[in-house]
């Protein structure tokens, strides 16, 4: 099926699907981690807790980098 699609359209499709997957896994990672810790992440962020903000930033960067590498290397 991929032989019939233009490579440009196929790359946009891969990028769109990869972006959706990245957003989903970032959301899921934050939800799972929220259940592991003994505090509410949203409440701590609203209170201005910078340590929690740095923790969430690390989660997002880690998941985004991992999925970006998997998707990027899968385009070969």
C-alpha atoms as a PDB file:
ATOM      1  CA  UNK A   1       0.000   0.000   0.000  1.00  0.00           C
ATOM      2  CA  UNK A   2       2.839   2.426   0.743  1.00  0.00           C
ATOM      3  CA  UNK A   3       4.096   2.123  -2.850  1.00  0.00           C
ATOM      4  CA  UNK A   4       0.940   3.839  -4.094  1.00  0.00           C
ATOM      5  CA  UNK A   5       1.262   6.876  -1.789  1.00  0.00           C
ATOM      6  CA  UNK A   6       3.467   9.826  -2.563  1.00  0.00           C
ATOM      7  CA  UNK A   7       6.491   9.852  -0.201  1.00  0.00           C
ATOM      8  CA  UNK A   8       5.726  13.431   0.889  1.00  0.00           C
ATOM      9  CA  UNK A   9       2.182  12.501   1.913  1.00  0.00           C
ATOM     10  CA  UNK A  10       3.478   9.374   3.628  1.00  0.00           C
ATOM     11  CA  UNK A  11       6.028  11.413   5.631  1.00  0.00           C
ATOM     12  CA  UNK A  12       3.322  13.882   6.725  1.00  0.00           C
ATOM     13  CA  UNK A  13       1.179  10.927   7.771  1.00  0.00           C
ATOM     14  CA  UNK A  14       4.076   9.470   9.783  1.00  0.00           C
ATOM     15  CA  UNK A  15       4.727  12.860  11.409  1.00  0.00           C
ATOM     16  CA  UNK A  16       1.045  13.325  12.306  1.00  0.00           C
ATOM     17  CA  UNK A  17       0.731   9.827  13.747  1.00  0.00           C
ATOM     18  CA  UNK A  18       3.994  10.265  15.630  1.00  0.00           C
ATOM     19  CA  UNK A  19       2.805  13.556  17.102  1.00  0.00           C
ATOM     20  CA  UNK A  20      -0.464  11.992  18.246  1.00  0.00           C
ATOM     21  CA  UNK A  21       1.369   9.045  19.767  1.00  0.00           C
ATOM     22  CA  UNK A  22       3.794  11.362  21.553  1.00  0.00           C
ATOM     23  CA  UNK A  23       0.993  13.450  23.060  1.00  0.00           C
ATOM     24  CA  UNK A  24      -0.874  10.328  24.155  1.00  0.00           C
ATOM     25  CA  UNK A  25       2.161   8.764  25.813  1.00  0.00           C
ATOM     26  CA  UNK A  26       3.082  12.035  27.536  1.00  0.00           C
ATOM     27  CA  UNK A  27      -0.437  12.266  28.937  1.00  0.00           C
ATOM     28  CA  UNK A  28      -0.372   8.611  29.965  1.00  0.00           C
ATOM     29  CA  UNK A  29       3.059   8.942  31.568  1.00  0.00           C
ATOM     30  CA  UNK A  30       1.926  11.918  33.615  1.00  0.00           C
ATOM     31  CA  UNK A  31      -1.228  10.063  34.734  1.00  0.00           C
ATOM     32  CA  UNK A  32       0.711   6.942  35.724  1.00  0.00           C
ATOM     33  CA  UNK A  33       3.315   8.967  37.602  1.00  0.00           C
ATOM     34  CA  UNK A  34       0.552  10.925  39.332  1.00  0.00           C
ATOM     35  CA  UNK A  35      -0.779   7.658  40.745  1.00  0.00           C
ATOM     36  CA  UNK A  36       2.691   6.628  41.949  1.00  0.00           C
ATOM     37  CA  UNK A  37       3.534   9.770  43.945  1.00  0.00           C
ATOM     38  CA  UNK A  38       1.749  10.730  47.143  1.00  0.00           C
ATOM     39  CA  UNK A  39       0.722  14.231  46.039  1.00  0.00           C
ATOM     40  CA  UNK A  40      -1.511  15.770  43.391  1.00  0.00           C
ATOM     41  CA  UNK A  41       0.624  17.106  40.543  1.00  0.00           C
ATOM     42  CA  UNK A  42      -1.995  19.637  39.376  1.00  0.00           C
ATOM     43  CA  UNK A  43      -2.407  21.109  42.863  1.00  0.00           C
ATOM     44  CA  UNK A  44       1.344  21.384  43.381  1.00  0.00           C
ATOM     45  CA  UNK A  45       1.806  23.093  40.012  1.00  0.00           C
ATOM     46  CA  UNK A  46      -0.997  25.536  40.845  1.00  0.00           C
ATOM     47  CA  UNK A  47       0.751  26.309  44.146  1.00  0.00           C
ATOM     48  CA  UNK A  48       3.946  27.160  42.232  1.00  0.00           C
ATOM     49  CA  UNK A  49       6.075  24.172  43.278  1.00  0.00           C
ATOM     50  CA  UNK A  50       9.060  24.393  40.914  1.00  0.00           C
ATOM     51  CA  UNK A  51      10.345  20.920  41.803  1.00  0.00           C
ATOM     52  CA  UNK A  52       7.134  19.325  40.560  1.00  0.00           C
ATOM     53  CA  UNK A  53       7.303  21.453  37.429  1.00  0.00           C
ATOM     54  CA  UNK A  54      10.853  20.274  36.755  1.00  0.00           C
ATOM     55  CA  UNK A  55       9.760  16.672  37.352  1.00  0.00           C
ATOM     56  CA  UNK A  56       6.889  16.941  34.846  1.00  0.00           C
ATOM     57  CA  UNK A  57       9.218  18.658  32.381  1.00  0.00           C
ATOM     58  CA  UNK A  58      11.642  15.738  32.713  1.00  0.00           C
ATOM     59  CA  UNK A  59       8.850  13.240  32.091  1.00  0.00           C
ATOM     60  CA  UNK A  60       7.755  15.076  28.943  1.00  0.00           C
ATOM     61  CA  UNK A  61      11.288  15.493  27.601  1.00  0.00           C
ATOM     62  CA  UNK A  62      12.152  11.849  28.267  1.00  0.00           C
ATOM     63  CA  UNK A  63       9.036  10.407  26.668  1.00  0.00           C
ATOM     64  CA  UNK A  64       9.219  12.841  23.751  1.00  0.00           C
ATOM     65  CA  UNK A  65      12.869  12.021  23.072  1.00  0.00           C
ATOM     66  CA  UNK A  66      12.284   8.271  23.281  1.00  0.00           C
ATOM     67  CA  UNK A  67       9.271   8.302  20.973  1.00  0.00           C
ATOM     68  CA  UNK A  68      10.950  10.748  18.599  1.00  0.00           C
ATOM     69  CA  UNK A  69      13.909   8.415  18.224  1.00  0.00           C
ATOM     70  CA  UNK A  70      11.697   5.387  17.696  1.00  0.00           C
ATOM     71  CA  UNK A  71       9.569   7.153  15.083  1.00  0.00           C
ATOM     72  CA  UNK A  72      12.547   8.822  13.407  1.00  0.00           C
ATOM     73  CA  UNK A  73      14.533   5.614  13.142  1.00  0.00           C
ATOM     74  CA  UNK A  74      11.462   3.783  11.855  1.00  0.00           C
ATOM     75  CA  UNK A  75      11.328   5.954   8.725  1.00  0.00           C
ATOM     76  CA  UNK A  76      14.268   4.147   7.095  1.00  0.00           C
END
